[in-house]
Amino acid sequence: MSVLSILEKLERMHKSLLELAHKKTDIIKANDIEALDELIKTEQAHVAAINTLEQQRQLMVTDYLRAKGIAYTDTPTVAELIDAIDSEEEKQQLITTRERLLALLTELKVRNDLNQKLVYQSLQIINIQLEPFRPQRSDSFNYSGDEVRGQSNQSKVTYYDSQA
């Protein structure tokens, strides 16, 4: 298995994750909590697979760079690999696949941000709907016991005097 094949698998997994993110938008709009729960489980499986592929990619890039005697960062990147490859054909394939993957990641981030905003708005609507059912607070009562004994909190004002 090559780094290119891992990148292509990562691309497929991210495309699938993006499709799930689009479905999630529709589910959030429909307020279908059960479907959202199922979709989140599927997303978690995708993320786990992506993490496994990413670990494989890092290991392969590390091995390649180490074999060529090239210094690399703690987490070797595809860009470092591209710089190290001699074959122009392989280099171009990696560049193209990397660009497609980066575009997918950007689109996925935008969609996830939208979904997060939709969930936040849904929660705000729920809070507004629940507001009439919440008990009303009254500032005229103090249940700490001070008012009952005739002591007012206002008479307990203290002043702090400090000297340097």
N, C-alpha and C. Protein backbone atom coordinates (compact mmCIF):
# COMPACT_ATOMS: atom_id res chain seq x y z
N MET A 1 0.85 -1.18 0.00
CA MET A 1 0.00 0.00 0.00
C MET A 1 0.90 1.25 0.00
N SER A 2 0.55 2.19 -0.81
CA SER A 2 1.35 3.40 -0.93
C SER A 2 0.65 4.57 -0.23
N VAL A 3 1.40 5.65 -0.05
CA VAL A 3 0.84 6.85 0.55
C VAL A 3 -0.29 7.37 -0.34
N LEU A 4 -0.11 7.29 -1.64
CA LEU A 4 -1.14 7.76 -2.56
C LEU A 4 -2.45 6.97 -2.37
N SER A 5 -2.36 5.66 -2.22
CA SER A 5 -3.57 4.86 -2.02
C SER A 5 -4.24 5.20 -0.69
N ILE A 6 -3.45 5.49 0.34
CA ILE A 6 -4.03 5.89 1.62
C ILE A 6 -4.72 7.24 1.48
N LEU A 7 -4.08 8.17 0.77
CA LEU A 7 -4.71 9.48 0.55
C LEU A 7 -6.02 9.34 -0.22
N GLU A 8 -6.05 8.44 -1.19
CA GLU A 8 -7.28 8.22 -1.95
C GLU A 8 -8.37 7.62 -1.06
N LYS A 9 -7.99 6.71 -0.15
CA LYS A 9 -8.97 6.16 0.81
C LYS A 9 -9.45 7.26 1.75
N LEU A 10 -8.52 8.11 2.20
CA LEU A 10 -8.91 9.24 3.06
C LEU A 10 -9.88 10.15 2.32
N GLU A 11 -9.63 10.36 1.05
CA GLU A 11 -10.52 11.20 0.25
C GLU A 11 -11.92 10.59 0.18
N ARG A 12 -12.00 9.28 -0.07
CA ARG A 12 -13.30 8.60 -0.13
C ARG A 12 -14.03 8.68 1.21
N MET A 13 -13.29 8.48 2.29
CA MET A 13 -13.90 8.53 3.62
C MET A 13 -14.41 9.93 3.93
N HIS A 14 -13.64 10.94 3.54
CA HIS A 14 -14.07 12.32 3.79
C HIS A 14 -15.27 12.71 2.90
N LYS A 15 -15.32 12.17 1.68
CA LYS A 15 -16.50 12.40 0.83
C LYS A 15 -17.73 11.81 1.49
N SER A 16 -17.58 10.61 2.01
CA SER A 16 -18.69 9.96 2.69
C SER A 16 -19.10 10.74 3.94
N LEU A 17 -18.13 11.24 4.66
CA LEU A 17 -18.40 12.05 5.85
C LEU A 17 -19.11 13.35 5.47
N LEU A 18 -18.72 13.92 4.34
CA LEU A 18 -19.39 15.13 3.85
C LEU A 18 -20.85 14.84 3.49
N GLU A 19 -21.11 13.70 2.86
CA GLU A 19 -22.48 13.31 2.55
C GLU A 19 -23.30 13.16 3.83
N LEU A 20 -22.68 12.59 4.86
CA LEU A 20 -23.36 12.46 6.15
C LEU A 20 -23.65 13.84 6.75
N ALA A 21 -22.72 14.76 6.58
CA ALA A 21 -22.91 16.12 7.10
C ALA A 21 -24.08 16.81 6.41
N HIS A 22 -24.24 16.56 5.10
CA HIS A 22 -25.39 17.12 4.37
C HIS A 22 -26.70 16.50 4.88
N LYS A 23 -26.68 15.18 5.11
CA LYS A 23 -27.86 14.52 5.67
C LYS A 23 -28.17 15.05 7.06
N LYS A 24 -27.11 15.31 7.81
CA LYS A 24 -27.29 15.83 9.17
C LYS A 24 -28.01 17.17 9.15
N THR A 25 -27.67 18.01 8.18
CA THR A 25 -28.34 19.31 8.05
C THR A 25 -29.84 19.11 7.90
N ASP A 26 -30.23 18.20 7.01
CA ASP A 26 -31.66 17.93 6.80
C ASP A 26 -32.32 17.36 8.05
N ILE A 27 -31.61 16.49 8.75
CA ILE A 27 -32.15 15.87 9.96
C ILE A 27 -32.33 16.92 11.06
N ILE A 28 -31.36 17.80 11.19
CA ILE A 28 -31.46 18.87 12.21
C ILE A 28 -32.64 19.77 11.89
N LYS A 29 -32.80 20.12 10.61
CA LYS A 29 -33.92 20.97 10.22
C LYS A 29 -35.26 20.30 10.50
N ALA A 30 -35.30 18.98 10.37
CA ALA A 30 -36.53 18.23 10.60
C ALA A 30 -36.75 17.91 12.08
N ASN A 31 -35.77 18.23 12.92
CA ASN A 31 -35.84 17.95 14.36
C ASN A 31 -36.05 16.46 14.64
N ASP A 32 -35.42 15.60 13.86
CA ASP A 32 -35.54 14.16 14.03
C ASP A 32 -34.38 13.66 14.91
N ILE A 33 -34.60 13.63 16.20
CA ILE A 33 -33.56 13.29 17.17
C ILE A 33 -33.08 11.85 17.01
N GLU A 34 -33.99 10.93 16.77
CA GLU A 34 -33.60 9.53 16.62
C GLU A 34 -32.70 9.33 15.40
N ALA A 35 -33.06 9.95 14.28
CA ALA A 35 -32.23 9.85 13.08
C ALA A 35 -30.88 10.52 13.30
N LEU A 36 -30.88 11.63 14.04
CA LEU A 36 -29.63 12.32 14.34
C LEU A 36 -28.71 11.44 15.18
N ASP A 37 -29.28 10.74 16.14
CA ASP A 37 -28.50 9.84 16.99
C ASP A 37 -27.86 8.73 16.16
N GLU A 38 -28.63 8.14 15.25
CA GLU A 38 -28.10 7.08 14.37
C GLU A 38 -27.00 7.62 13.45
N LEU A 39 -27.23 8.81 12.91
CA LEU A 39 -26.25 9.40 12.01
C LEU A 39 -24.94 9.71 12.75
N ILE A 40 -25.04 10.16 13.98
CA ILE A 40 -23.84 10.46 14.77
C ILE A 40 -23.03 9.19 15.01
N LYS A 41 -23.70 8.08 15.23
CA LYS A 41 -23.00 6.80 15.40
C LYS A 41 -22.25 6.43 14.13
N THR A 42 -22.88 6.64 12.99
CA THR A 42 -22.23 6.36 11.70
C THR A 42 -21.04 7.29 11.49
N GLU A 43 -21.22 8.56 11.85
CA GLU A 43 -20.11 9.52 11.74
C GLU A 43 -18.93 9.10 12.60
N GLN A 44 -19.21 8.63 13.80
CA GLN A 44 -18.14 8.22 14.70
C GLN A 44 -17.35 7.05 14.12
N ALA A 45 -18.03 6.14 13.45
CA ALA A 45 -17.35 5.02 12.79
C ALA A 45 -16.45 5.53 11.67
N HIS A 46 -16.95 6.51 10.92
CA HIS A 46 -16.15 7.11 9.85
C HIS A 46 -14.90 7.80 10.41
N VAL A 47 -15.09 8.54 11.49
CA VAL A 47 -13.97 9.26 12.09
C VAL A 47 -12.92 8.27 12.61
N ALA A 48 -13.36 7.17 13.19
CA ALA A 48 -12.42 6.16 13.67
C ALA A 48 -11.62 5.57 12.50
N ALA A 49 -12.28 5.29 11.39
CA ALA A 49 -11.60 4.76 10.21
C ALA A 49 -10.62 5.78 9.65
N ILE A 50 -11.03 7.04 9.64
CA ILE A 50 -10.16 8.11 9.14
C ILE A 50 -8.92 8.23 10.02
N ASN A 51 -9.11 8.13 11.34
CA ASN A 51 -7.96 8.20 12.25
C ASN A 51 -6.98 7.07 12.01
N THR A 52 -7.50 5.88 11.76
CA THR A 52 -6.64 4.73 11.47
C THR A 52 -5.85 4.96 10.18
N LEU A 53 -6.54 5.42 9.14
CA LEU A 53 -5.86 5.70 7.87
C LEU A 53 -4.81 6.81 8.04
N GLU A 54 -5.13 7.82 8.83
CA GLU A 54 -4.20 8.92 9.06
C GLU A 54 -2.94 8.43 9.78
N GLN A 55 -3.11 7.53 10.72
CA GLN A 55 -1.95 6.95 11.41
C GLN A 55 -1.08 6.16 10.45
N GLN A 56 -1.72 5.41 9.55
CA GLN A 56 -0.97 4.66 8.54
C GLN A 56 -0.22 5.61 7.62
N ARG A 57 -0.88 6.71 7.22
CA ARG A 57 -0.25 7.69 6.35
C ARG A 57 0.98 8.29 7.02
N GLN A 58 0.84 8.66 8.27
CA GLN A 58 1.97 9.25 8.99
C GLN A 58 3.13 8.28 9.10
N LEU A 59 2.82 7.03 9.39
CA LEU A 59 3.86 6.01 9.50
C LEU A 59 4.58 5.81 8.18
N MET A 60 3.84 5.74 7.09
CA MET A 60 4.45 5.54 5.78
C MET A 60 5.30 6.73 5.37
N VAL A 61 4.82 7.93 5.64
CA VAL A 61 5.60 9.13 5.30
C VAL A 61 6.86 9.17 6.15
N THR A 62 6.73 8.86 7.43
CA THR A 62 7.89 8.83 8.32
C THR A 62 8.93 7.84 7.82
N ASP A 63 8.48 6.64 7.48
CA ASP A 63 9.40 5.61 6.99
C ASP A 63 10.10 6.06 5.71
N TYR A 64 9.34 6.65 4.80
CA TYR A 64 9.92 7.11 3.53
C TYR A 64 10.97 8.19 3.76
N LEU A 65 10.61 9.18 4.57
CA LEU A 65 11.55 10.28 4.83
C LEU A 65 12.78 9.79 5.59
N ARG A 66 12.59 8.89 6.55
CA ARG A 66 13.71 8.33 7.30
C ARG A 66 14.63 7.55 6.36
N ALA A 67 14.05 6.76 5.44
CA ALA A 67 14.85 5.97 4.50
C ALA A 67 15.68 6.86 3.59
N LYS A 68 15.17 8.04 3.28
CA LYS A 68 15.91 8.99 2.43
C LYS A 68 16.84 9.88 3.23
N GLY A 69 16.83 9.73 4.56
CA GLY A 69 17.70 10.53 5.41
C GLY A 69 17.28 11.99 5.51
N ILE A 70 15.98 12.24 5.40
CA ILE A 70 15.45 13.61 5.42
C ILE A 70 14.86 13.90 6.79
N ALA A 71 15.21 15.07 7.33
CA ALA A 71 14.64 15.50 8.61
C ALA A 71 13.17 15.87 8.39
N TYR A 72 12.36 15.55 9.37
CA TYR A 72 10.93 15.83 9.25
C TYR A 72 10.39 16.32 10.58
N THR A 73 9.20 16.86 10.55
CA THR A 73 8.56 17.36 11.77
C THR A 73 8.05 16.19 12.60
N ASP A 74 7.51 16.49 13.77
CA ASP A 74 6.95 15.44 14.63
C ASP A 74 5.86 14.66 13.91
N THR A 75 5.02 15.38 13.19
CA THR A 75 3.97 14.76 12.39
C THR A 75 4.30 15.06 10.93
N PRO A 76 4.93 14.12 10.26
CA PRO A 76 5.33 14.38 8.87
C PRO A 76 4.13 14.61 7.97
N THR A 77 4.25 15.59 7.11
CA THR A 77 3.14 15.97 6.25
C THR A 77 3.33 15.44 4.83
N VAL A 78 2.25 15.46 4.10
CA VAL A 78 2.30 15.07 2.69
C VAL A 78 3.14 16.08 1.91
N ALA A 79 3.09 17.34 2.32
CA ALA A 79 3.90 18.37 1.65
C ALA A 79 5.38 18.04 1.77
N GLU A 80 5.81 17.56 2.94
CA GLU A 80 7.22 17.16 3.11
C GLU A 80 7.55 15.97 2.21
N LEU A 81 6.60 15.06 2.09
CA LEU A 81 6.80 13.90 1.22
C LEU A 81 6.91 14.34 -0.24
N ILE A 82 6.05 15.26 -0.64
CA ILE A 82 6.07 15.75 -2.02
C ILE A 82 7.42 16.36 -2.35
N ASP A 83 7.96 17.12 -1.40
CA ASP A 83 9.27 17.73 -1.60
C ASP A 83 10.38 16.69 -1.74
N ALA A 84 10.20 15.54 -1.08
CA ALA A 84 11.24 14.52 -1.07
C ALA A 84 11.19 13.56 -2.26
N ILE A 85 10.07 13.49 -2.94
CA ILE A 85 9.90 12.52 -4.03
C ILE A 85 10.64 13.01 -5.28
N ASP A 86 11.32 12.07 -5.93
CA ASP A 86 12.08 12.40 -7.13
C ASP A 86 11.23 12.32 -8.40
N SER A 87 10.32 11.38 -8.44
CA SER A 87 9.51 11.16 -9.63
C SER A 87 8.46 12.27 -9.78
N GLU A 88 8.51 12.95 -10.93
CA GLU A 88 7.55 14.03 -11.19
C GLU A 88 6.12 13.51 -11.29
N GLU A 89 5.96 12.32 -11.86
CA GLU A 89 4.63 11.74 -12.00
C GLU A 89 4.00 11.46 -10.64
N GLU A 90 4.78 10.81 -9.74
CA GLU A 90 4.28 10.54 -8.40
C GLU A 90 4.02 11.84 -7.64
N LYS A 91 4.91 12.79 -7.82
CA LYS A 91 4.77 14.07 -7.15
C LYS A 91 3.47 14.75 -7.58
N GLN A 92 3.19 14.74 -8.88
CA GLN A 92 1.97 15.37 -9.39
C GLN A 92 0.72 14.66 -8.90
N GLN A 93 0.76 13.33 -8.85
CA GLN A 93 -0.38 12.57 -8.34
C GLN A 93 -0.66 12.91 -6.88
N LEU A 94 0.40 12.99 -6.09
CA LEU A 94 0.24 13.34 -4.68
C LEU A 94 -0.30 14.76 -4.51
N ILE A 95 0.21 15.68 -5.31
CA ILE A 95 -0.25 17.08 -5.24
C ILE A 95 -1.73 17.16 -5.57
N THR A 96 -2.14 16.49 -6.62
CA THR A 96 -3.55 16.52 -7.05
C THR A 96 -4.46 15.91 -5.99
N THR A 97 -4.07 14.77 -5.47
CA THR A 97 -4.89 14.10 -4.45
C THR A 97 -4.93 14.92 -3.17
N ARG A 98 -3.80 15.49 -2.79
CA ARG A 98 -3.74 16.33 -1.59
C ARG A 98 -4.65 17.55 -1.73
N GLU A 99 -4.65 18.17 -2.91
CA GLU A 99 -5.50 19.35 -3.13
C GLU A 99 -6.98 19.00 -3.06
N ARG A 100 -7.35 17.84 -3.63
CA ARG A 100 -8.75 17.40 -3.56
C ARG A 100 -9.15 17.14 -2.11
N LEU A 101 -8.25 16.51 -1.36
CA LEU A 101 -8.52 16.20 0.04
C LEU A 101 -8.65 17.49 0.86
N LEU A 102 -7.78 18.45 0.62
CA LEU A 102 -7.85 19.73 1.33
C LEU A 102 -9.16 20.47 1.00
N ALA A 103 -9.59 20.41 -0.25
CA ALA A 103 -10.85 21.04 -0.64
C ALA A 103 -12.02 20.36 0.08
N LEU A 104 -11.98 19.04 0.17
CA LEU A 104 -13.02 18.31 0.89
C LEU A 104 -13.05 18.69 2.37
N LEU A 105 -11.87 18.81 2.96
CA LEU A 105 -11.79 19.17 4.37
C LEU A 105 -12.37 20.56 4.62
N THR A 106 -12.09 21.47 3.70
CA THR A 106 -12.63 22.83 3.82
C THR A 106 -14.16 22.81 3.73
N GLU A 107 -14.66 22.08 2.75
CA GLU A 107 -16.12 21.98 2.57
C GLU A 107 -16.77 21.30 3.78
N LEU A 108 -16.12 20.30 4.31
CA LEU A 108 -16.63 19.59 5.48
C LEU A 108 -16.66 20.52 6.70
N LYS A 109 -15.64 21.32 6.86
CA LYS A 109 -15.60 22.28 7.97
C LYS A 109 -16.75 23.29 7.86
N VAL A 110 -16.98 23.80 6.66
CA VAL A 110 -18.07 24.76 6.44
C VAL A 110 -19.42 24.11 6.78
N ARG A 111 -19.62 22.89 6.34
CA ARG A 111 -20.89 22.20 6.59
C ARG A 111 -21.05 21.91 8.08
N ASN A 112 -19.99 21.49 8.74
CA ASN A 112 -20.07 21.22 10.18
C ASN A 112 -20.34 22.50 10.96
N ASP A 113 -19.76 23.61 10.54
CA ASP A 113 -20.04 24.90 11.18
C ASP A 113 -21.52 25.25 11.03
N LEU A 114 -22.08 25.03 9.84
CA LEU A 114 -23.49 25.28 9.61
C LEU A 114 -24.35 24.41 10.53
N ASN A 115 -24.02 23.13 10.61
CA ASN A 115 -24.79 22.21 11.45
C ASN A 115 -24.71 22.64 12.92
N GLN A 116 -23.55 23.08 13.34
CA GLN A 116 -23.40 23.54 14.72
C GLN A 116 -24.28 24.76 14.98
N LYS A 117 -24.34 25.67 14.04
CA LYS A 117 -25.19 26.86 14.19
C LYS A 117 -26.67 26.47 14.22
N LEU A 118 -27.05 25.51 13.39
CA LEU A 118 -28.45 25.05 13.38
C LEU A 118 -28.83 24.41 14.71
N VAL A 119 -27.93 23.62 15.27
CA VAL A 119 -28.21 22.99 16.56
C VAL A 119 -28.32 24.06 17.64
N TYR A 120 -27.44 25.04 17.60
CA TYR A 120 -27.49 26.14 18.58
C TYR A 120 -28.81 26.90 18.48
N GLN A 121 -29.24 27.19 17.25
CA GLN A 121 -30.52 27.88 17.06
C GLN A 121 -31.69 27.04 17.57
N SER A 122 -31.63 25.74 17.34
CA SER A 122 -32.68 24.85 17.85
C SER A 122 -32.74 24.90 19.37
N LEU A 123 -31.58 24.92 20.00
CA LEU A 123 -31.55 25.00 21.46
C LEU A 123 -32.09 26.33 21.97
N GLN A 124 -31.80 27.39 21.25
CA GLN A 124 -32.34 28.70 21.63
C GLN A 124 -33.87 28.70 21.53
N ILE A 125 -34.40 28.12 20.49
CA ILE A 125 -35.85 28.04 20.32
C ILE A 125 -36.47 27.23 21.45
N ILE A 126 -35.83 26.14 21.82
CA ILE A 126 -36.34 25.31 22.93
C ILE A 126 -36.34 26.13 24.22
N ASN A 127 -35.27 26.87 24.46
CA ASN A 127 -35.20 27.71 25.67
C ASN A 127 -36.30 28.76 25.68
N ILE A 128 -36.56 29.36 24.54
CA ILE A 128 -37.62 30.37 24.45
C ILE A 128 -38.98 29.72 24.73
N GLN A 129 -39.18 28.53 24.20
CA GLN A 129 -40.45 27.84 24.41
C GLN A 129 -40.63 27.40 25.86
N LEU A 130 -39.54 27.10 26.56
CA LEU A 130 -39.62 26.66 27.95
C LEU A 130 -39.72 27.82 28.93
N GLU A 131 -39.37 29.00 28.51
CA GLU A 131 -39.35 30.18 29.40
C GLU A 131 -40.65 30.38 30.17
N PRO A 132 -41.84 30.26 29.58
CA PRO A 132 -43.08 30.47 30.35
C PRO A 132 -43.27 29.45 31.48
N PHE A 133 -42.63 28.31 31.41
CA PHE A 133 -42.80 27.27 32.40
C PHE A 133 -41.81 27.35 33.54
N ARG A 134 -40.83 28.23 33.43
CA ARG A 134 -39.83 28.39 34.49
C ARG A 134 -40.42 29.24 35.61
N PRO A 135 -40.07 28.92 36.86
CA PRO A 135 -40.57 29.73 37.97
C PRO A 135 -40.00 31.14 37.90
N GLN A 136 -40.83 32.11 38.25
CA GLN A 136 -40.40 33.50 38.24
C GLN A 136 -39.66 33.79 39.54
N ARG A 137 -38.55 34.50 39.42
CA ARG A 137 -37.79 34.90 40.60
C ARG A 137 -38.32 36.22 41.11
N SER A 138 -38.32 36.32 42.40
CA SER A 138 -38.74 37.57 43.02
C SER A 138 -37.58 38.09 43.84
N ASP A 139 -37.16 39.30 43.56
CA ASP A 139 -36.04 39.88 44.29
C ASP A 139 -36.47 40.42 45.64
N SER A 140 -37.77 40.45 45.94
CA SER A 140 -38.24 41.02 47.20
C SER A 140 -38.09 40.05 48.36
N PHE A 141 -37.83 38.78 48.09
CA PHE A 141 -37.68 37.80 49.16
C PHE A 141 -36.24 37.34 49.25
N ASN A 142 -35.80 37.20 50.46
CA ASN A 142 -34.45 36.70 50.70
C ASN A 142 -34.60 35.53 51.66
N TYR A 143 -34.31 34.36 51.20
CA TYR A 143 -34.51 33.18 52.02
C TYR A 143 -33.25 32.75 52.77
N SER A 144 -32.30 33.65 52.89
CA SER A 144 -31.08 33.30 53.60
C SER A 144 -31.28 33.36 55.10
N GLY A 145 -32.37 33.91 55.56
CA GLY A 145 -32.65 33.98 56.98
C GLY A 145 -32.41 35.36 57.56
N ASP A 146 -31.64 36.21 56.87
CA ASP A 146 -31.33 37.53 57.38
C ASP A 146 -32.56 38.40 57.44
N GLU A 147 -33.42 38.36 56.44
CA GLU A 147 -34.61 39.19 56.39
C GLU A 147 -35.60 38.76 57.47
N VAL A 148 -35.62 37.48 57.73
CA VAL A 148 -36.56 36.96 58.71
C VAL A 148 -36.24 37.52 60.10
N ARG A 149 -34.94 37.64 60.41
CA ARG A 149 -34.52 38.13 61.71
C ARG A 149 -34.46 39.66 61.76
N GLY A 150 -34.82 40.30 60.66
CA GLY A 150 -34.84 41.74 60.65
C GLY A 150 -33.52 42.36 60.24
N GLN A 151 -32.59 41.56 59.80
CA GLN A 151 -31.30 42.09 59.38
C GLN A 151 -31.32 42.26 57.87
N SER A 152 -30.87 43.35 57.43
CA SER A 152 -30.85 43.64 56.00
C SER A 152 -29.43 43.49 55.48
N ASN A 153 -29.32 42.97 54.27
CA ASN A 153 -28.00 42.86 53.64
C ASN A 153 -27.41 44.23 53.36
N GLN A 154 -28.22 45.23 53.23
CA GLN A 154 -27.73 46.56 52.92
C GLN A 154 -26.95 47.15 54.08
N SER A 155 -27.24 46.76 55.31
CA SER A 155 -26.52 47.30 56.45
C SER A 155 -25.18 46.64 56.63
N LYS A 156 -24.88 45.60 55.88
CA LYS A 156 -23.63 44.86 56.01
C LYS A 156 -22.56 45.34 55.04
N VAL A 157 -22.69 46.55 54.54
CA VAL A 157 -21.71 47.09 53.61
C VAL A 157 -20.41 47.32 54.36
N THR A 158 -19.33 46.77 53.83
CA THR A 158 -18.03 46.97 54.44
C THR A 158 -17.12 47.69 53.46
N TYR A 159 -16.20 48.38 54.02
CA TYR A 159 -15.24 49.11 53.21
C TYR A 159 -13.86 48.55 53.46
N TYR A 160 -13.14 48.36 52.40
CA TYR A 160 -11.80 47.82 52.48
C TYR A 160 -10.82 48.96 52.37
N ASP A 161 -9.98 49.11 53.38
CA ASP A 161 -9.00 50.19 53.40
C ASP A 161 -7.63 49.54 53.36
N SER A 162 -6.89 49.83 52.35
CA SER A 162 -5.55 49.23 52.27
C SER A 162 -4.51 50.34 52.23
N GLN A 163 -3.38 50.03 52.81
CA GLN A 163 -2.27 50.96 52.80
C GLN A 163 -1.08 50.25 52.17
N ALA A 164 -0.36 50.98 51.36
CA ALA A 164 0.79 50.37 50.70
C ALA A 164 2.01 50.41 51.58
